[in-house]
Amino acid sequence: MSGKEIQVHALQLGEGIDLKGLEREDAFSSSPLAFPTSGEGIAVLFKSGAAVFMAMNPVDEEQLIKNLDGRIINPIDDRETESVRLVVKQADDGLLTPSGEIQIKADDNNRLLLVAEALAMSVAFAYDERRIAAAFDRIDTVAQTLQQRRLPQSPHNELLEQIGEALLIQQRLAARVDLDDKPDVLWDHPELERLWARLVDEYDLPQRGRAISRKLDVIRGTADTLTDLFATRTSHRLEWYIIALIAFEVVLSLYDRILK
């Protein structure tokens, strides 16, 4: 129906959502799991931990999230969110209006699913970007210490946390749909590729993905450098311990000879 407006709200709920056993007869997609809700609402749940709600009020959204209790892996207290208003209009798909709304030709399930895919990836990237920013703050502290020609006093736990953070984010990126791959809906509906291209461009998904990958490389490189530095320091300490033990043994030998 031309002129119809649909409010879309995306949230990153956690590290992931266990969708096994949530299959529904009324679902129009299984991966991601997309199904109608009360009224004209639609919910789309992603294994990556994102949930996208369309034409749903906040109370219904929170109730659905509450129903997912126990299925959200490592829930996030400070959720990443993003909202957009869709306007159904007989014009080119994916056009952005001056007021920030996105135009779609029709509110069919396939178009709505593509919008949900783009928003889910956007909030997931936002979550990773925030975590990486925190990791970079730690790197900055370490870099300042190294600039003063000294190693951090007790960085081992921080180093392990930093490596673990980078690996978790890398795992999340690998688990998501590759930006070079098409969402499943496009294989059956290639006429929607233009809409998907505009959505990807609107949310800067390729650029954000590449930026995250580059920052992960920096984090891993820093962790490797620190590991090498600490290994070198430990090696030097062992060498001094060995020299001290040899010197002590020589002193004892000389002392014994003097006494004799």
Protein backbone atom coordinates (compact mmCIF):
# COMPACT_ATOMS: atom_id res chain seq x y z
CA MET A 1 0.00 0.00 0.00
CA SER A 2 1.61 3.24 -1.16
CA GLY A 3 2.23 5.86 1.54
CA LYS A 4 2.38 3.32 4.36
CA GLU A 5 5.10 3.88 6.99
CA ILE A 6 6.84 1.15 8.97
CA GLN A 7 9.00 1.77 12.01
CA VAL A 8 11.97 -0.62 12.20
CA HIS A 9 14.01 -1.12 15.37
CA ALA A 10 17.17 -3.26 15.54
CA LEU A 11 19.00 -4.32 18.70
CA GLN A 12 22.14 -6.31 19.45
CA LEU A 13 20.99 -8.46 22.36
CA GLY A 14 24.12 -10.53 22.99
CA GLU A 15 26.95 -12.54 21.49
CA GLY A 16 24.41 -14.80 19.81
CA ILE A 17 20.90 -16.24 19.91
CA ASP A 18 20.20 -19.97 20.00
CA LEU A 19 17.43 -20.41 17.44
CA LYS A 20 17.16 -24.19 17.68
CA GLY A 21 13.66 -25.25 18.62
CA LEU A 22 12.12 -21.89 17.77
CA GLU A 23 10.84 -23.02 14.37
CA ARG A 24 7.33 -21.80 13.61
CA GLU A 25 4.74 -22.74 11.01
CA ASP A 26 4.08 -19.10 10.23
CA ALA A 27 7.76 -18.22 9.75
CA PHE A 28 8.60 -16.93 6.27
CA SER A 29 12.36 -17.39 6.80
CA SER A 30 14.33 -19.88 8.87
CA SER A 31 17.78 -18.26 8.67
CA PRO A 32 17.33 -15.66 9.97
CA LEU A 33 14.14 -16.65 11.76
CA ALA A 34 11.44 -14.22 10.62
CA PHE A 35 7.78 -14.43 11.58
CA PRO A 36 4.71 -12.22 11.99
CA THR A 37 3.66 -11.00 15.42
CA SER A 38 0.47 -9.49 16.77
CA GLY A 39 -1.12 -6.90 14.53
CA GLU A 40 1.00 -6.24 11.45
CA GLY A 41 4.29 -6.63 13.30
CA ILE A 42 7.27 -8.73 12.21
CA ALA A 43 10.20 -10.05 14.26
CA VAL A 44 13.49 -11.22 12.75
CA LEU A 45 16.01 -13.05 14.93
CA PHE A 46 19.65 -13.64 13.96
CA LYS A 47 22.18 -16.17 15.23
CA SER A 48 24.65 -13.29 15.49
CA GLY A 49 22.68 -11.95 18.48
CA ALA A 50 20.67 -9.27 16.69
CA ALA A 51 16.90 -8.87 16.68
CA VAL A 52 14.95 -6.64 14.32
CA PHE A 53 11.37 -5.58 15.06
CA MET A 54 9.06 -4.02 12.49
CA ALA A 55 5.81 -2.22 13.25
CA MET A 56 5.95 -3.37 16.87
CA ASN A 57 5.47 -1.28 19.99
CA PRO A 58 8.19 -1.26 22.69
CA VAL A 59 6.10 -3.35 25.11
CA ASP A 60 5.70 -6.18 22.59
CA GLU A 61 9.40 -5.95 21.72
CA GLU A 62 10.47 -6.35 25.34
CA GLN A 63 8.03 -9.21 25.87
CA LEU A 64 9.49 -11.08 22.91
CA ILE A 65 13.01 -10.44 24.21
CA LYS A 66 11.94 -11.71 27.63
CA ASN A 67 10.64 -14.88 25.97
CA LEU A 68 14.16 -15.44 24.64
CA ASP A 69 15.54 -15.67 28.17
CA GLY A 70 18.11 -18.44 28.30
CA ARG A 71 18.63 -18.39 24.54
CA ILE A 72 20.62 -15.16 24.37
CA ILE A 73 24.31 -15.94 24.64
CA ASN A 74 26.16 -13.46 26.90
CA PRO A 75 23.39 -10.85 27.02
CA ILE A 76 24.44 -7.21 26.64
CA ASP A 77 23.33 -4.73 29.30
CA ASP A 78 24.03 -1.69 27.13
CA ARG A 79 22.44 -2.82 23.87
CA GLU A 80 23.38 -1.39 20.52
CA THR A 81 20.27 -0.07 18.77
CA GLU A 82 19.37 1.46 15.45
CA SER A 83 16.06 2.62 14.06
CA VAL A 84 14.76 3.63 10.66
CA ARG A 85 11.39 4.45 9.16
CA LEU A 86 10.38 2.76 5.92
CA VAL A 87 8.07 4.50 3.50
CA VAL A 88 6.20 2.38 0.98
CA LYS A 89 6.19 4.39 -2.23
CA GLN A 90 6.14 3.59 -5.93
CA ALA A 91 9.70 4.75 -6.54
CA ASP A 92 13.15 3.25 -6.73
CA ASP A 93 13.88 0.81 -3.91
CA GLY A 94 16.26 1.94 -1.21
CA LEU A 95 16.18 5.68 -1.86
CA LEU A 96 16.95 7.75 1.23
CA THR A 97 14.59 10.67 1.82
CA PRO A 98 15.83 14.05 3.16
CA SER A 99 14.29 13.18 6.53
CA GLY A 100 16.32 9.95 6.77
CA GLU A 101 13.56 7.54 5.77
CA ILE A 102 14.14 4.67 3.35
CA GLN A 103 11.73 4.15 0.47
CA ILE A 104 10.66 0.70 -0.63
CA LYS A 105 8.33 -0.17 -3.50
CA ALA A 106 6.28 -2.62 -1.45
CA ASP A 107 6.17 -3.99 2.08
CA ASP A 108 6.50 -7.63 1.01
CA ASN A 109 8.39 -10.05 3.24
CA ASN A 110 11.41 -10.26 0.94
CA ARG A 111 12.09 -6.52 0.97
CA LEU A 112 11.52 -6.33 4.71
CA LEU A 113 13.90 -9.24 5.23
CA LEU A 114 16.67 -7.42 3.34
CA VAL A 115 16.15 -4.32 5.46
CA ALA A 116 16.37 -6.50 8.59
CA GLU A 117 19.61 -8.10 7.32
CA ALA A 118 21.23 -4.68 6.79
CA LEU A 119 20.17 -3.32 10.17
CA ALA A 120 21.24 -6.51 11.97
CA MET A 121 24.72 -6.26 10.46
CA SER A 122 24.86 -2.56 11.33
CA VAL A 123 24.14 -3.05 15.05
CA ALA A 124 26.50 -6.05 15.14
CA PHE A 125 29.26 -3.89 13.66
CA ALA A 126 28.46 -1.14 16.16
CA TYR A 127 28.88 -3.65 18.99
CA ASP A 128 32.23 -4.81 17.63
CA GLU A 129 33.37 -1.23 17.03
CA ARG A 130 32.68 -0.34 20.65
CA ARG A 131 34.61 -3.36 21.92
CA ILE A 132 37.52 -2.64 19.62
CA ALA A 133 37.59 0.99 20.79
CA ALA A 134 38.01 -0.26 24.36
CA ALA A 135 40.83 -2.57 23.25
CA PHE A 136 42.54 0.34 21.48
CA ASP A 137 42.41 2.37 24.70
CA ARG A 138 44.40 -0.38 26.40
CA ILE A 139 46.84 -0.46 23.48
CA ASP A 140 47.36 3.30 23.79
CA THR A 141 48.31 2.89 27.47
CA VAL A 142 50.79 0.13 26.59
CA ALA A 143 52.24 2.20 23.72
CA GLN A 144 52.84 5.17 26.03
CA THR A 145 54.65 2.90 28.49
CA LEU A 146 56.84 1.46 25.73
CA GLN A 147 57.59 4.99 24.50
CA GLN A 148 59.14 5.60 27.92
CA ARG A 149 61.48 2.66 27.21
CA ARG A 150 59.97 0.36 29.78
CA LEU A 151 57.56 -2.54 29.76
CA PRO A 152 54.21 -2.40 31.56
CA GLN A 153 54.56 -3.62 35.14
CA SER A 154 51.85 -6.28 35.19
CA PRO A 155 50.31 -6.61 31.74
CA HIS A 156 49.94 -10.37 31.49
CA ASN A 157 46.24 -10.47 32.37
CA GLU A 158 45.55 -7.46 30.18
CA LEU A 159 47.50 -9.07 27.34
CA LEU A 160 45.49 -12.29 27.61
CA GLU A 161 42.25 -10.30 27.76
CA GLN A 162 43.30 -8.31 24.71
CA ILE A 163 44.11 -11.44 22.70
CA GLY A 164 40.86 -13.08 23.79
CA GLU A 165 38.86 -9.98 22.82
CA ALA A 166 40.42 -9.93 19.36
CA LEU A 167 39.76 -13.64 18.84
CA LEU A 168 36.12 -13.34 19.92
CA ILE A 169 35.48 -10.43 17.56
CA GLN A 170 37.25 -12.28 14.76
CA GLN A 171 35.06 -15.33 15.43
CA ARG A 172 31.93 -13.17 15.31
CA LEU A 173 32.99 -11.68 11.98
CA ALA A 174 33.66 -15.12 10.53
CA ALA A 175 30.28 -16.41 11.75
CA ARG A 176 28.35 -13.63 10.04
CA VAL A 177 27.25 -13.55 6.43
CA ASP A 178 30.20 -12.53 4.29
CA LEU A 179 29.54 -9.14 2.73
CA ASP A 180 30.72 -10.58 -0.56
CA ASP A 181 27.98 -13.21 -0.32
CA LYS A 182 24.35 -12.50 -1.05
CA PRO A 183 21.61 -12.92 1.52
CA ASP A 184 19.63 -16.07 0.78
CA VAL A 185 16.58 -14.13 -0.35
CA LEU A 186 18.50 -12.65 -3.29
CA TRP A 187 19.10 -16.07 -4.84
CA ASP A 188 15.36 -16.44 -5.42
CA HIS A 189 14.69 -12.74 -6.02
CA PRO A 190 17.60 -11.22 -7.98
CA GLU A 191 15.41 -8.24 -8.83
CA LEU A 192 16.03 -7.02 -5.26
CA GLU A 193 19.82 -6.80 -5.66
CA ARG A 194 19.61 -3.06 -6.29
CA LEU A 195 17.78 -2.58 -2.99
CA TRP A 196 20.40 -4.63 -1.15
CA ALA A 197 23.25 -2.68 -2.77
CA ARG A 198 21.71 0.60 -1.63
CA LEU A 199 21.16 -0.69 1.90
CA VAL A 200 24.75 -1.92 2.12
CA ASP A 201 25.95 1.46 0.90
CA GLU A 202 23.63 3.40 3.22
CA TYR A 203 25.00 1.68 6.34
CA ASP A 204 28.64 1.62 5.10
CA LEU A 205 28.79 -2.12 5.77
CA PRO A 206 31.84 -2.99 3.60
CA GLN A 207 33.87 -0.05 4.89
CA ARG A 208 33.02 -0.80 8.51
CA GLY A 209 33.84 -4.48 8.05
CA ARG A 210 37.24 -3.67 6.55
CA ALA A 211 37.97 -1.10 9.28
CA ILE A 212 37.22 -3.68 11.98
CA SER A 213 39.49 -6.23 10.24
CA ARG A 214 42.34 -3.71 10.07
CA LYS A 215 41.99 -2.83 13.73
CA LEU A 216 41.94 -6.52 14.63
CA ASP A 217 45.24 -6.89 12.78
CA VAL A 218 46.70 -4.05 14.88
CA ILE A 219 45.46 -5.63 18.11
CA ARG A 220 46.88 -9.04 17.19
CA GLY A 221 50.15 -7.43 16.08
CA THR A 222 50.43 -5.55 19.37
CA ALA A 223 49.73 -8.71 21.34
CA ASP A 224 52.41 -10.58 19.37
CA THR A 225 54.91 -7.77 19.94
CA LEU A 226 54.26 -7.73 23.69
CA THR A 227 54.54 -11.51 23.83
CA ASP A 228 57.95 -11.35 22.14
CA LEU A 229 59.12 -8.56 24.46
CA PHE A 230 58.11 -10.47 27.57
CA ALA A 231 59.67 -13.65 26.24
CA THR A 232 62.91 -11.75 25.61
CA ARG A 233 62.82 -10.22 29.10
CA THR A 234 62.21 -13.63 30.66
CA SER A 235 65.07 -15.09 28.61
CA HIS A 236 67.44 -12.34 29.78
CA ARG A 237 66.43 -12.93 33.38
CA LEU A 238 67.14 -16.65 33.03
CA GLU A 239 70.57 -15.86 31.58
CA TRP A 240 71.38 -13.63 34.55
CA TYR A 241 70.17 -16.31 36.97
CA ILE A 242 72.44 -18.85 35.30
CA ILE A 243 75.41 -16.44 35.41
CA ALA A 244 74.71 -15.73 39.08
CA LEU A 245 74.56 -19.45 39.88
CA ILE A 246 77.86 -20.09 38.04
CA ALA A 247 79.50 -17.17 39.85
CA PHE A 248 78.22 -18.46 43.19
CA GLU A 249 79.59 -21.92 42.44
CA VAL A 250 83.00 -20.43 41.51
CA VAL A 251 83.05 -18.44 44.75
CA LEU A 252 82.27 -21.56 46.77
CA SER A 253 85.02 -23.50 44.99
CA LEU A 254 87.57 -20.75 45.69
CA TYR A 255 86.46 -20.57 49.31
CA ASP A 256 86.93 -24.30 49.73
CA ARG A 257 90.45 -24.10 48.25
CA ILE A 258 91.40 -21.21 50.52
CA LEU A 259 90.22 -23.11 53.59
CA LYS A 260 92.24 -26.16 52.57
